Amino acid sequence: MRRLLAMAACLAAGATFATLGGAFADDTDRERASASALRGLVDLSHSFNERTIYWPTATQFKLTKVAEGETEGGYFYAANDFAAAEHGGTHLDSPVHFARGGDTTDEIPLTRLVGRAIVVDVSSRALTDRDYLISRSDFRSWERSHGRIPRSTIVLLRTGFDRYWPNAERYLGTAERGQQAVPKLHFPGLAEEGARWLVRERGIKAVGIDTASIDYGQSTDFRSHRVLGAAGVPVFENVARLGRLPTRGFALVALPMKIEGGSGGPLRVMAVLQP
């Protein structure tokens, strides 16, 4: 697992394996290991476009073409502007999002965003109960089958809701926009007691989910956000393709746009599977 994490960090930062301590016998071994790791990458981010799902009250993604074509100098040139809320599509919730004084997006240590990860799959229950709350009992059930969740693990919660993307009505429970749509949101999330247990009993470093929020759609006080933010735990929302991952034995690299003072931001997240 140490070598796997070294590969993940190497891919994310462009460092050498030797620098990270993943020493190999020679250059040939290093090249083979790098090629093997690249074959094991899984993209867990949704693309950003006009169909990207945002909170009903948030500014939606817009791409504006600035230039595309041949220039007077005889070469091709393309450029765009984009605008969007921090929180939408596959994105990061920084601790400050719900915790005064918490880390902003640019302040989150990289060690919180890269590491070994597990998938807790509750899709069999969540897909039949749109308001399902993932609880401590779900985590204890996972541990009975797979062993204790190690400290400093990134926990990914699979509800199966990414199958509905980008259909907002099926994914969120409503396709309406504006404040009047918020009470109509129905999707699973993490219960407050489950969040407290992960923080206090297992010391997780980050948590992700394949829904629009770590709190379930009907939440009005966002208690799981508040618990996780107070503990300095980053949250990854609208994560994709968790069904393509093993239950454990892989690493995660989750790198957001580095917005100074940000409460979140667009996120490119990938899994690095065991070669």
Foldseek 3Di string as FASTA:
>chain_A
DLLQLLLVVCVVPVDASVVSVNDDPDPVVRVVVNVLQVVQKDWFFDDADPLWDDAQAWFHKDKAWDDFDADPVGDTDTDIDMDTDFQTGWKKFFLVNQEVPGDALQRQDQLLQKWWEFEQEPQVPQVVFLAAADAPVSVVVVCVVPNDQAAQYEYEYENPLLVCPSVCCSQQVDPHHDPVCQQRGTHYAHDLNRLLCCCPVHNYSEYEYLHSANHGSNDDPNNSSNSCSVSRYMYTYNTHDPVVDHRTQKMKGKRFDNDVRHSMHHITMMIRHDD
